Amino acid sequence: MFKQIVKLATTAALALGLAFGAQAHADAHGKGMHSGEVLDTVNGGGYTYVQIKEEGKLIWAAAPQTDVKKGDVVEFDEQMSFPSFESKTLKRSFAPLIFAGKIAVK
C-alpha cells in the first residue's frame, strides 16, 4: 500500500511539473527537441529510458513506456532535465536525464 501511494505521489508530482514547468524550462534553457540513435534502452516503472549520443554527448531520456530498441533513431521533446536521476524501481542512476512527453521512433 505504501509503495502504491509513493508511486502515485511521484507520478502526480512529475505530471504537475511537466504541465506547469515545461514551457518555461524550455524557454529559459533554449532546449526543445532532441534526436539520435538509441545506444541503450530499459523499461521500468511505466517509463522507457533511452540513451542517445547527440552532438558528441551521451544523454538519457525517459518518457511514458514505448516500444523502442537499440539502433532505432528517436526524437523527443525536453520537458525537464536533471544532471543525475536515480530510479528507485530500476535501482540505478541516469546522468544526465531528460524527461520527455514522448519518445518517437523516426
PDB file of N, CA and C in Angstrom:
ATOM      1  N   MET A   1       0.825  -1.190   0.000  1.00  0.00           N
ATOM      2  CA  MET A   1       0.000   0.000   0.000  1.00  0.00           C
ATOM      3  C   MET A   1       0.870   1.254   0.000  1.00  0.00           C
ATOM      4  N   PHE A   2       1.883   1.289   0.866  1.00  0.00           N
ATOM      5  CA  PHE A   2       2.769   2.447   0.959  1.00  0.00           C
ATOM      6  C   PHE A   2       3.485   2.684  -0.370  1.00  0.00           C
ATOM      7  N   LYS A   3       3.955   1.612  -1.004  1.00  0.00           N
ATOM      8  CA  LYS A   3       4.655   1.740  -2.281  1.00  0.00           C
ATOM      9  C   LYS A   3       3.735   2.331  -3.343  1.00  0.00           C
ATOM     10  N   GLN A   4       2.451   1.930  -3.334  1.00  0.00           N
ATOM     11  CA  GLN A   4       1.499   2.454  -4.300  1.00  0.00           C
ATOM     12  C   GLN A   4       1.269   3.945  -4.078  1.00  0.00           C
ATOM     13  N   ILE A   5       1.196   4.367  -2.828  1.00  0.00           N
ATOM     14  CA  ILE A   5       0.993   5.777  -2.518  1.00  0.00           C
ATOM     15  C   ILE A   5       2.196   6.594  -2.961  1.00  0.00           C
ATOM     16  N   VAL A   6       3.395   6.087  -2.678  1.00  0.00           N
ATOM     17  CA  VAL A   6       4.620   6.785  -3.085  1.00  0.00           C
ATOM     18  C   VAL A   6       4.680   6.888  -4.604  1.00  0.00           C
ATOM     19  N   LYS A   7       4.360   5.807  -5.295  1.00  0.00           N
ATOM     20  CA  LYS A   7       4.391   5.812  -6.759  1.00  0.00           C
ATOM     21  C   LYS A   7       3.366   6.806  -7.310  1.00  0.00           C
ATOM     22  N   LEU A   8       2.177   6.823  -6.737  1.00  0.00           N
ATOM     23  CA  LEU A   8       1.144   7.748  -7.168  1.00  0.00           C
ATOM     24  C   LEU A   8       1.572   9.194  -6.932  1.00  0.00           C
ATOM     25  N   ALA A   9       2.136   9.460  -5.762  1.00  0.00           N
ATOM     26  CA  ALA A   9       2.588  10.822  -5.434  1.00  0.00           C
ATOM     27  C   ALA A   9       3.705  11.262  -6.374  1.00  0.00           C
ATOM     28  N   THR A  10       4.634  10.361  -6.665  1.00  0.00           N
ATOM     29  CA  THR A  10       5.733  10.676  -7.576  1.00  0.00           C
ATOM     30  C   THR A  10       5.206  10.966  -8.976  1.00  0.00           C
ATOM     31  N   THR A  11       4.274  10.143  -9.447  1.00  0.00           N
ATOM     32  CA  THR A  11       3.690  10.344 -10.767  1.00  0.00           C
ATOM     33  C   THR A  11       2.945  11.671 -10.838  1.00  0.00           C
ATOM     34  N   ALA A  12       2.186  11.982  -9.789  1.00  0.00           N
ATOM     35  CA  ALA A  12       1.443  13.244  -9.756  1.00  0.00           C
ATOM     36  C   ALA A  12       2.392  14.438  -9.759  1.00  0.00           C
ATOM     37  N   ALA A  13       3.451  14.360  -8.969  1.00  0.00           N
ATOM     38  CA  ALA A  13       4.420  15.460  -8.912  1.00  0.00           C
ATOM     39  C   ALA A  13       5.083  15.658 -10.269  1.00  0.00           C
ATOM     40  N   LEU A  14       5.447  14.562 -10.928  1.00  0.00           N
ATOM     41  CA  LEU A  14       6.069  14.648 -12.247  1.00  0.00           C
ATOM     42  C   LEU A  14       5.091  15.255 -13.246  1.00  0.00           C
ATOM     43  N   ALA A  15       3.841  14.799 -13.212  1.00  0.00           N
ATOM     44  CA  ALA A  15       2.836  15.328 -14.138  1.00  0.00           C
ATOM     45  C   ALA A  15       2.623  16.824 -13.922  1.00  0.00           C
ATOM     46  N   LEU A  16       2.544  17.240 -12.684  1.00  0.00           N
ATOM     47  CA  LEU A  16       2.382  18.672 -12.394  1.00  0.00           C
ATOM     48  C   LEU A  16       3.592  19.460 -12.866  1.00  0.00           C
ATOM     49  N   GLY A  17       4.773  18.925 -12.631  1.00  0.00           N
ATOM     50  CA  GLY A  17       5.986  19.599 -13.079  1.00  0.00           C
ATOM     51  C   GLY A  17       6.027  19.721 -14.592  1.00  0.00           C
ATOM     52  N   LEU A  18       5.619  18.651 -15.274  1.00  0.00           N
ATOM     53  CA  LEU A  18       5.600  18.687 -16.728  1.00  0.00           C
ATOM     54  C   LEU A  18       4.575  19.690 -17.231  1.00  0.00           C
ATOM     55  N   ALA A  19       3.400  19.703 -16.609  1.00  0.00           N
ATOM     56  CA  ALA A  19       2.327  20.574 -17.065  1.00  0.00           C
ATOM     57  C   ALA A  19       2.645  22.045 -16.847  1.00  0.00           C
ATOM     58  N   PHE A  20       3.204  22.389 -15.694  1.00  0.00           N
ATOM     59  CA  PHE A  20       3.407  23.791 -15.363  1.00  0.00           C
ATOM     60  C   PHE A  20       4.799  24.321 -15.678  1.00  0.00           C
ATOM     61  N   GLY A  21       5.784  23.462 -15.760  1.00  0.00           N
ATOM     62  CA  GLY A  21       7.142  23.960 -15.927  1.00  0.00           C
ATOM     63  C   GLY A  21       7.773  23.705 -17.269  1.00  0.00           C
ATOM     64  N   ALA A  22       7.132  22.935 -18.103  1.00  0.00           N
ATOM     65  CA  ALA A  22       7.768  22.518 -19.347  1.00  0.00           C
ATOM     66  C   ALA A  22       8.118  23.682 -20.248  1.00  0.00           C
ATOM     67  N   GLN A  23       7.161  24.534 -20.549  1.00  0.00           N
ATOM     68  CA  GLN A  23       7.432  25.610 -21.480  1.00  0.00           C
ATOM     69  C   GLN A  23       8.417  26.611 -20.901  1.00  0.00           C
ATOM     70  N   ALA A  24       8.253  26.952 -19.643  1.00  0.00           N
ATOM     71  CA  ALA A  24       9.168  27.909 -19.015  1.00  0.00           C
ATOM     72  C   ALA A  24      10.584  27.351 -19.008  1.00  0.00           C
ATOM     73  N   HIS A  25      10.723  26.057 -18.703  1.00  0.00           N
ATOM     74  CA  HIS A  25      12.048  25.448 -18.679  1.00  0.00           C
ATOM     75  C   HIS A  25      12.665  25.460 -20.074  1.00  0.00           C
ATOM     76  N   ALA A  26      11.873  25.084 -21.064  1.00  0.00           N
ATOM     77  CA  ALA A  26      12.389  25.044 -22.426  1.00  0.00           C
ATOM     78  C   ALA A  26      12.792  26.438 -22.881  1.00  0.00           C
ATOM     79  N   ASP A  27      11.975  27.436 -22.569  1.00  0.00           N
ATOM     80  CA  ASP A  27      12.299  28.807 -22.960  1.00  0.00           C
ATOM     81  C   ASP A  27      13.552  29.303 -22.246  1.00  0.00           C
ATOM     82  N   ALA A  28      13.659  29.032 -20.966  1.00  0.00           N
ATOM     83  CA  ALA A  28      14.774  29.534 -20.168  1.00  0.00           C
ATOM     84  C   ALA A  28      16.107  28.924 -20.591  1.00  0.00           C
ATOM     85  N   HIS A  29      16.079  27.688 -21.033  1.00  0.00           N
ATOM     86  CA  HIS A  29      17.326  26.997 -21.358  1.00  0.00           C
ATOM     87  C   HIS A  29      17.553  26.831 -22.858  1.00  0.00           C
ATOM     88  N   GLY A  30      16.613  27.281 -23.671  1.00  0.00           N
ATOM     89  CA  GLY A  30      16.779  27.179 -25.107  1.00  0.00           C
ATOM     90  C   GLY A  30      16.780  25.747 -25.595  1.00  0.00           C
ATOM     91  N   LYS A  31      16.179  24.866 -24.854  1.00  0.00           N
ATOM     92  CA  LYS A  31      16.127  23.452 -25.231  1.00  0.00           C
ATOM     93  C   LYS A  31      14.808  23.184 -25.930  1.00  0.00           C
ATOM     94  N   GLY A  32      14.727  22.089 -26.568  1.00  0.00           N
ATOM     95  CA  GLY A  32      13.486  21.723 -27.254  1.00  0.00           C
ATOM     96  C   GLY A  32      13.534  20.277 -27.658  1.00  0.00           C
ATOM     97  N   MET A  33      13.706  20.060 -28.949  1.00  0.00           N
ATOM     98  CA  MET A  33      13.713  18.703 -29.470  1.00  0.00           C
ATOM     99  C   MET A  33      15.130  18.132 -29.473  1.00  0.00           C
ATOM    100  N   HIS A  34      15.197  16.856 -29.213  1.00  0.00           N
ATOM    101  CA  HIS A  34      16.458  16.110 -29.243  1.00  0.00           C
ATOM    102  C   HIS A  34      16.252  14.893 -30.138  1.00  0.00           C
ATOM    103  N   SER A  35      17.326  14.434 -30.750  1.00  0.00           N
ATOM    104  CA  SER A  35      17.222  13.217 -31.556  1.00  0.00           C
ATOM    105  C   SER A  35      18.578  12.530 -31.617  1.00  0.00           C
ATOM    106  N   GLY A  36      18.510  11.239 -31.896  1.00  0.00           N
ATOM    107  CA  GLY A  36      19.731  10.462 -32.023  1.00  0.00           C
ATOM    108  C   GLY A  36      19.439   8.979 -32.082  1.00  0.00           C
ATOM    109  N   GLU A  37      20.488   8.208 -32.320  1.00  0.00           N
ATOM    110  CA  GLU A  37      20.374   6.751 -32.369  1.00  0.00           C
ATOM    111  C   GLU A  37      20.394   6.200 -30.948  1.00  0.00           C
ATOM    112  N   VAL A  38      19.506   5.242 -30.687  1.00  0.00           N
ATOM    113  CA  VAL A  38      19.422   4.619 -29.369  1.00  0.00           C
ATOM    114  C   VAL A  38      20.615   3.692 -29.178  1.00  0.00           C
ATOM    115  N   LEU A  39      21.411   3.996 -28.146  1.00  0.00           N
ATOM    116  CA  LEU A  39      22.573   3.167 -27.804  1.00  0.00           C
ATOM    117  C   LEU A  39      22.221   2.144 -26.737  1.00  0.00           C
ATOM    118  N   ASP A  40      21.262   2.499 -25.875  1.00  0.00           N
ATOM    119  CA  ASP A  40      20.831   1.607 -24.789  1.00  0.00           C
ATOM    120  C   ASP A  40      19.399   1.973 -24.435  1.00  0.00           C
ATOM    121  N   THR A  41      18.644   1.018 -23.963  1.00  0.00           N
ATOM    122  CA  THR A  41      17.264   1.265 -23.550  1.00  0.00           C
ATOM    123  C   THR A  41      16.866   0.288 -22.454  1.00  0.00           C
ATOM    124  N   VAL A  42      15.988   0.759 -21.568  1.00  0.00           N
ATOM    125  CA  VAL A  42      15.489  -0.069 -20.482  1.00  0.00           C
ATOM    126  C   VAL A  42      14.109   0.441 -20.092  1.00  0.00           C
ATOM    127  N   ASN A  43      13.227  -0.477 -19.727  1.00  0.00           N
ATOM    128  CA  ASN A  43      11.887  -0.119 -19.260  1.00  0.00           C
ATOM    129  C   ASN A  43      11.774  -0.391 -17.772  1.00  0.00           C
ATOM    130  N   GLY A  44      11.025   0.468 -17.094  1.00  0.00           N
ATOM    131  CA  GLY A  44      10.774   0.252 -15.668  1.00  0.00           C
ATOM    132  C   GLY A  44       9.856   1.314 -15.102  1.00  0.00           C
ATOM    133  N   GLY A  45       8.949   0.899 -14.241  1.00  0.00           N
ATOM    134  CA  GLY A  45       8.061   1.839 -13.576  1.00  0.00           C
ATOM    135  C   GLY A  45       7.139   2.585 -14.518  1.00  0.00           C
ATOM    136  N   GLY A  46       6.821   1.986 -15.669  1.00  0.00           N
ATOM    137  CA  GLY A  46       5.945   2.636 -16.635  1.00  0.00           C
ATOM    138  C   GLY A  46       6.658   3.598 -17.575  1.00  0.00           C
ATOM    139  N   TYR A  47       7.993   3.642 -17.484  1.00  0.00           N
ATOM    140  CA  TYR A  47       8.782   4.541 -18.321  1.00  0.00           C
ATOM    141  C   TYR A  47       9.739   3.753 -19.203  1.00  0.00           C
ATOM    142  N   THR A  48      10.068   4.342 -20.344  1.00  0.00           N
ATOM    143  CA  THR A  48      11.141   3.844 -21.199  1.00  0.00           C
ATOM    144  C   THR A  48      12.286   4.839 -21.086  1.00  0.00           C
ATOM    145  N   TYR A  49      13.465   4.326 -20.794  1.00  0.00           N
ATOM    146  CA  TYR A  49      14.681   5.135 -20.717  1.00  0.00           C
ATOM    147  C   TYR A  49      15.500   4.805 -21.954  1.00  0.00           C
ATOM    148  N   VAL A  50      15.971   5.833 -22.655  1.00  0.00           N
ATOM    149  CA  VAL A  50      16.834   5.621 -23.815  1.00  0.00           C
ATOM    150  C   VAL A  50      18.089   6.456 -23.654  1.00  0.00           C
ATOM    151  N   GLN A  51      19.210   5.893 -24.092  1.00  0.00           N
ATOM    152  CA  GLN A  51      20.461   6.639 -24.123  1.00  0.00           C
ATOM    153  C   GLN A  51      20.780   6.906 -25.588  1.00  0.00           C
ATOM    154  N   ILE A  52      21.052   8.181 -25.894  1.00  0.00           N
ATOM    155  CA  ILE A  52      21.438   8.550 -27.254  1.00  0.00           C
ATOM    156  C   ILE A  52      22.730   9.359 -27.201  1.00  0.00           C
ATOM    157  N   LYS A  53      23.358   9.491 -28.354  1.00  0.00           N
ATOM    158  CA  LYS A  53      24.513  10.374 -28.486  1.00  0.00           C
ATOM    159  C   LYS A  53      24.062  11.534 -29.363  1.00  0.00           C
ATOM    160  N   GLU A  54      24.179  12.744 -28.801  1.00  0.00           N
ATOM    161  CA  GLU A  54      23.760  13.937 -29.519  1.00  0.00           C
ATOM    162  C   GLU A  54      24.864  14.973 -29.427  1.00  0.00           C
ATOM    163  N   GLU A  55      25.333  15.427 -30.563  1.00  0.00           N
ATOM    164  CA  GLU A  55      26.414  16.407 -30.618  1.00  0.00           C
ATOM    165  C   GLU A  55      27.613  15.986 -29.770  1.00  0.00           C
ATOM    166  N   GLY A  56      27.939  14.711 -29.831  1.00  0.00           N
ATOM    167  CA  GLY A  56      29.099  14.180 -29.122  1.00  0.00           C
ATOM    168  C   GLY A  56      28.881  13.887 -27.645  1.00  0.00           C
ATOM    169  N   LYS A  57      27.679  14.139 -27.139  1.00  0.00           N
ATOM    170  CA  LYS A  57      27.396  13.906 -25.719  1.00  0.00           C
ATOM    171  C   LYS A  57      26.397  12.771 -25.554  1.00  0.00           C
ATOM    172  N   LEU A  58      26.638  11.937 -24.533  1.00  0.00           N
ATOM    173  CA  LEU A  58      25.693  10.872 -24.195  1.00  0.00           C
ATOM    174  C   LEU A  58      24.654  11.434 -23.240  1.00  0.00           C
ATOM    175  N   ILE A  59      23.384  11.230 -23.583  1.00  0.00           N
ATOM    176  CA  ILE A  59      22.301  11.668 -22.698  1.00  0.00           C
ATOM    177  C   ILE A  59      21.252  10.570 -22.589  1.00  0.00           C
ATOM    178  N   TRP A  60      20.585  10.570 -21.461  1.00  0.00           N
ATOM    179  CA  TRP A  60      19.468   9.660 -21.219  1.00  0.00           C
ATOM    180  C   TRP A  60      18.179  10.465 -21.280  1.00  0.00           C
ATOM    181  N   ALA A  61      17.119   9.825 -21.750  1.00  0.00           N
ATOM    182  CA  ALA A  61      15.794  10.427 -21.735  1.00  0.00           C
ATOM    183  C   ALA A  61      14.820   9.391 -21.207  1.00  0.00           C
ATOM    184  N   ALA A  62      13.783   9.868 -20.527  1.00  0.00           N
ATOM    185  CA  ALA A  62      12.723   8.993 -20.019  1.00  0.00           C
ATOM    186  C   ALA A  62      11.383   9.574 -20.430  1.00  0.00           C
ATOM    187  N   ALA A  63      10.485   8.690 -20.846  1.00  0.00           N
ATOM    188  CA  ALA A  63       9.142   9.088 -21.256  1.00  0.00           C
ATOM    189  C   ALA A  63       8.205   7.919 -20.957  1.00  0.00           C
ATOM    190  N   PRO A  64       6.896   8.150 -21.036  1.00  0.00           N
ATOM    191  CA  PRO A  64       5.985   7.029 -20.846  1.00  0.00           C
ATOM    192  C   PRO A  64       6.394   5.848 -21.729  1.00  0.00           C
ATOM    193  N   GLN A  65       6.201   4.643 -21.202  1.00  0.00           N
ATOM    194  CA  GLN A  65       6.707   3.442 -21.857  1.00  0.00           C
ATOM    195  C   GLN A  65       6.266   3.360 -23.311  1.00  0.00           C
ATOM    196  N   THR A  66       7.240   3.063 -24.163  1.00  0.00           N
ATOM    197  CA  THR A  66       7.009   2.927 -25.599  1.00  0.00           C
ATOM    198  C   THR A  66       7.915   1.829 -26.151  1.00  0.00           C
ATOM    199  N   ASP A  67       7.601   1.360 -27.344  1.00  0.00           N
ATOM    200  CA  ASP A  67       8.373   0.289 -27.969  1.00  0.00           C
ATOM    201  C   ASP A  67       9.540   0.892 -28.740  1.00  0.00           C
ATOM    202  N   VAL A  68      10.745   0.681 -28.239  1.00  0.00           N
ATOM    203  CA  VAL A  68      11.953   1.202 -28.869  1.00  0.00           C
ATOM    204  C   VAL A  68      13.084   0.202 -28.635  1.00  0.00           C
ATOM    205  N   LYS A  69      14.011   0.131 -29.577  1.00  0.00           N
ATOM    206  CA  LYS A  69      15.123  -0.820 -29.430  1.00  0.00           C
ATOM    207  C   LYS A  69      16.431  -0.159 -29.837  1.00  0.00           C
ATOM    208  N   LYS A  70      17.524  -0.781 -29.422  1.00  0.00           N
ATOM    209  CA  LYS A  70      18.848  -0.279 -29.792  1.00  0.00           C
ATOM    210  C   LYS A  70      18.928  -0.165 -31.308  1.00  0.00           C
ATOM    211  N   GLY A  71      19.537   0.919 -31.769  1.00  0.00           N
ATOM    212  CA  GLY A  71      19.687   1.147 -33.200  1.00  0.00           C
ATOM    213  C   GLY A  71      18.593   2.013 -33.802  1.00  0.00           C
ATOM    214  N   ASP A  72      17.437   2.107 -33.119  1.00  0.00           N
ATOM    215  CA  ASP A  72      16.375   2.993 -33.599  1.00  0.00           C
ATOM    216  C   ASP A  72      16.848   4.444 -33.529  1.00  0.00           C
ATOM    217  N   VAL A  73      16.382   5.265 -34.434  1.00  0.00           N
ATOM    218  CA  VAL A  73      16.601   6.706 -34.358  1.00  0.00           C
ATOM    219  C   VAL A  73      15.333   7.285 -33.747  1.00  0.00           C
ATOM    220  N   VAL A  74      15.516   8.039 -32.663  1.00  0.00           N
ATOM    221  CA  VAL A  74      14.366   8.572 -31.939  1.00  0.00           C
ATOM    222  C   VAL A  74      14.441  10.097 -31.850  1.00  0.00           C
ATOM    223  N   GLU A  75      13.304  10.661 -31.503  1.00  0.00           N
ATOM    224  CA  GLU A  75      13.183  12.096 -31.311  1.00  0.00           C
ATOM    225  C   GLU A  75      12.293  12.300 -30.090  1.00  0.00           C
ATOM    226  N   PHE A  76      12.639  13.303 -29.277  1.00  0.00           N
ATOM    227  CA  PHE A  76      11.826  13.589 -28.103  1.00  0.00           C
ATOM    228  C   PHE A  76      11.957  15.049 -27.722  1.00  0.00           C
ATOM    229  N   ASP A  77      10.930  15.506 -27.019  1.00  0.00           N
ATOM    230  CA  ASP A  77      10.898  16.894 -26.559  1.00  0.00           C
ATOM    231  C   ASP A  77      11.348  16.962 -25.109  1.00  0.00           C
ATOM    232  N   GLU A  78      12.120  17.964 -24.783  1.00  0.00           N
ATOM    233  CA  GLU A  78      12.609  18.116 -23.411  1.00  0.00           C
ATOM    234  C   GLU A  78      11.566  18.827 -22.564  1.00  0.00           C
ATOM    235  N   GLN A  79      11.115  18.151 -21.509  1.00  0.00           N
ATOM    236  CA  GLN A  79      10.169  18.743 -20.571  1.00  0.00           C
ATOM    237  C   GLN A  79      10.896  19.252 -19.325  1.00  0.00           C
ATOM    238  N   MET A  80      11.740  18.411 -18.758  1.00  0.00           N
ATOM    239  CA  MET A  80      12.561  18.744 -17.588  1.00  0.00           C
ATOM    240  C   MET A  80      13.873  18.008 -17.735  1.00  0.00           C
ATOM    241  N   SER A  81      14.923  18.536 -17.105  1.00  0.00           N
ATOM    242  CA  SER A  81      16.198  17.824 -17.139  1.00  0.00           C
ATOM    243  C   SER A  81      16.850  17.864 -15.768  1.00  0.00           C
ATOM    244  N   PHE A  82      17.641  16.828 -15.517  1.00  0.00           N
ATOM    245  CA  PHE A  82      18.355  16.689 -14.255  1.00  0.00           C
ATOM    246  C   PHE A  82      19.789  16.274 -14.556  1.00  0.00           C
ATOM    247  N   PRO A  83      20.764  16.815 -13.808  1.00  0.00           N
ATOM    248  CA  PRO A  83      22.149  16.384 -14.015  1.00  0.00           C
ATOM    249  C   PRO A  83      22.316  14.897 -13.707  1.00  0.00           C
ATOM    250  N   SER A  84      21.495  14.401 -12.778  1.00  0.00           N
ATOM    251  CA  SER A  84      21.505  12.984 -12.411  1.00  0.00           C
ATOM    252  C   SER A  84      20.136  12.643 -11.833  1.00  0.00           C
ATOM    253  N   PHE A  85      19.660  11.440 -12.116  1.00  0.00           N
ATOM    254  CA  PHE A  85      18.369  10.988 -11.618  1.00  0.00           C
ATOM    255  C   PHE A  85      18.483   9.533 -11.213  1.00  0.00           C
ATOM    256  N   GLU A  86      18.019   9.204 -10.013  1.00  0.00           N
ATOM    257  CA  GLU A  86      18.054   7.829  -9.541  1.00  0.00           C
ATOM    258  C   GLU A  86      16.668   7.217  -9.637  1.00  0.00           C
ATOM    259  N   SER A  87      16.563   6.115 -10.383  1.00  0.00           N
ATOM    260  CA  SER A  87      15.324   5.361 -10.481  1.00  0.00           C
ATOM    261  C   SER A  87      15.305   4.335  -9.355  1.00  0.00           C
ATOM    262  N   LYS A  88      14.375   4.506  -8.441  1.00  0.00           N
ATOM    263  CA  LYS A  88      14.240   3.546  -7.338  1.00  0.00           C
ATOM    264  C   LYS A  88      13.778   2.198  -7.880  1.00  0.00           C
ATOM    265  N   THR A  89      12.907   2.227  -8.896  1.00  0.00           N
ATOM    266  CA  THR A  89      12.389   0.995  -9.487  1.00  0.00           C
ATOM    267  C   THR A  89      13.502   0.165 -10.113  1.00  0.00           C
ATOM    268  N   LEU A  90      14.376   0.823 -10.873  1.00  0.00           N
ATOM    269  CA  LEU A  90      15.451   0.116 -11.575  1.00  0.00           C
ATOM    270  C   LEU A  90      16.723  -0.004 -10.750  1.00  0.00           C
ATOM    271  N   LYS A  91      16.766   0.716  -9.611  1.00  0.00           N
ATOM    272  CA  LYS A  91      17.936   0.701  -8.728  1.00  0.00           C
ATOM    273  C   LYS A  91      19.211   1.081  -9.485  1.00  0.00           C
ATOM    274  N   ARG A  92      19.093   2.202 -10.241  1.00  0.00           N
ATOM    275  CA  ARG A  92      20.251   2.718 -10.960  1.00  0.00           C
ATOM    276  C   ARG A  92      20.055   4.203 -11.234  1.00  0.00           C
ATOM    277  N   SER A  93      21.154   4.853 -11.542  1.00  0.00           N
ATOM    278  CA  SER A  93      21.124   6.285 -11.827  1.00  0.00           C
ATOM    279  C   SER A  93      21.337   6.523 -13.315  1.00  0.00           C
ATOM    280  N   PHE A  94      20.770   7.619 -13.792  1.00  0.00           N
ATOM    281  CA  PHE A  94      20.914   8.038 -15.177  1.00  0.00           C
ATOM    282  C   PHE A  94      21.434   9.474 -15.160  1.00  0.00           C
ATOM    283  N   ALA A  95      22.527   9.727 -15.873  1.00  0.00           N
ATOM    284  CA  ALA A  95      23.110  11.069 -15.849  1.00  0.00           C
ATOM    285  C   ALA A  95      23.638  11.435 -17.229  1.00  0.00           C
ATOM    286  N   PRO A  96      23.286  12.591 -17.729  1.00  0.00           N
ATOM    287  CA  PRO A  96      22.143  13.396 -17.332  1.00  0.00           C
ATOM    288  C   PRO A  96      20.857  12.753 -17.836  1.00  0.00           C
ATOM    289  N   LEU A  97      19.718  13.192 -17.298  1.00  0.00           N
ATOM    290  CA  LEU A  97      18.423  12.622 -17.690  1.00  0.00           C
ATOM    291  C   LEU A  97      17.472  13.734 -18.086  1.00  0.00           C
ATOM    292  N   ILE A  98      16.829  13.541 -19.219  1.00  0.00           N
ATOM    293  CA  ILE A  98      15.786  14.451 -19.711  1.00  0.00           C
ATOM    294  C   ILE A  98      14.462  13.708 -19.615  1.00  0.00           C
ATOM    295  N   PHE A  99      13.469  14.339 -18.986  1.00  0.00           N
ATOM    296  CA  PHE A  99      12.113  13.786 -19.020  1.00  0.00           C
ATOM    297  C   PHE A  99      11.415  14.370 -20.233  1.00  0.00           C
ATOM    298  N   ALA A 100      10.804  13.497 -21.022  1.00  0.00           N
ATOM    299  CA  ALA A 100      10.149  13.883 -22.269  1.00  0.00           C
ATOM    300  C   ALA A 100       8.681  13.509 -22.219  1.00  0.00           C
ATOM    301  N   GLY A 101       7.877  14.215 -23.008  1.00  0.00           N
ATOM    302  CA  GLY A 101       6.459  13.901 -23.097  1.00  0.00           C
ATOM    303  C   GLY A 101       6.233  12.573 -23.801  1.00  0.00           C
ATOM    304  N   LYS A 102       7.069  12.293 -24.803  1.00  0.00           N
ATOM    305  CA  LYS A 102       7.025  11.010 -25.509  1.00  0.00           C
ATOM    306  C   LYS A 102       8.315  10.826 -26.280  1.00  0.00           C
ATOM    307  N   ILE A 103       8.588   9.577 -26.606  1.00  0.00           N
ATOM    308  CA  ILE A 103       9.729   9.240 -27.458  1.00  0.00           C
ATOM    309  C   ILE A 103       9.153   8.701 -28.755  1.00  0.00           C
ATOM    310  N   ALA A 104       9.508   9.330 -29.853  1.00  0.00           N
ATOM    311  CA  ALA A 104       9.007   8.907 -31.169  1.00  0.00           C
ATOM    312  C   ALA A 104      10.126   8.262 -31.959  1.00  0.00           C
ATOM    313  N   VAL A 105       9.838   7.080 -32.510  1.00  0.00           N
ATOM    314  CA  VAL A 105      10.802   6.409 -33.389  1.00  0.00           C
ATOM    315  C   VAL A 105      10.627   7.006 -34.784  1.00  0.00           C
ATOM    316  N   LYS A 106      11.743   7.441 -35.367  1.00  0.00           N
ATOM    317  CA  LYS A 106      11.696   8.084 -36.696  1.00  0.00           C
ATOM    318  C   LYS A 106      11.813   7.054 -37.797  1.00  0.00           C
TER     319      LYS A 106
END
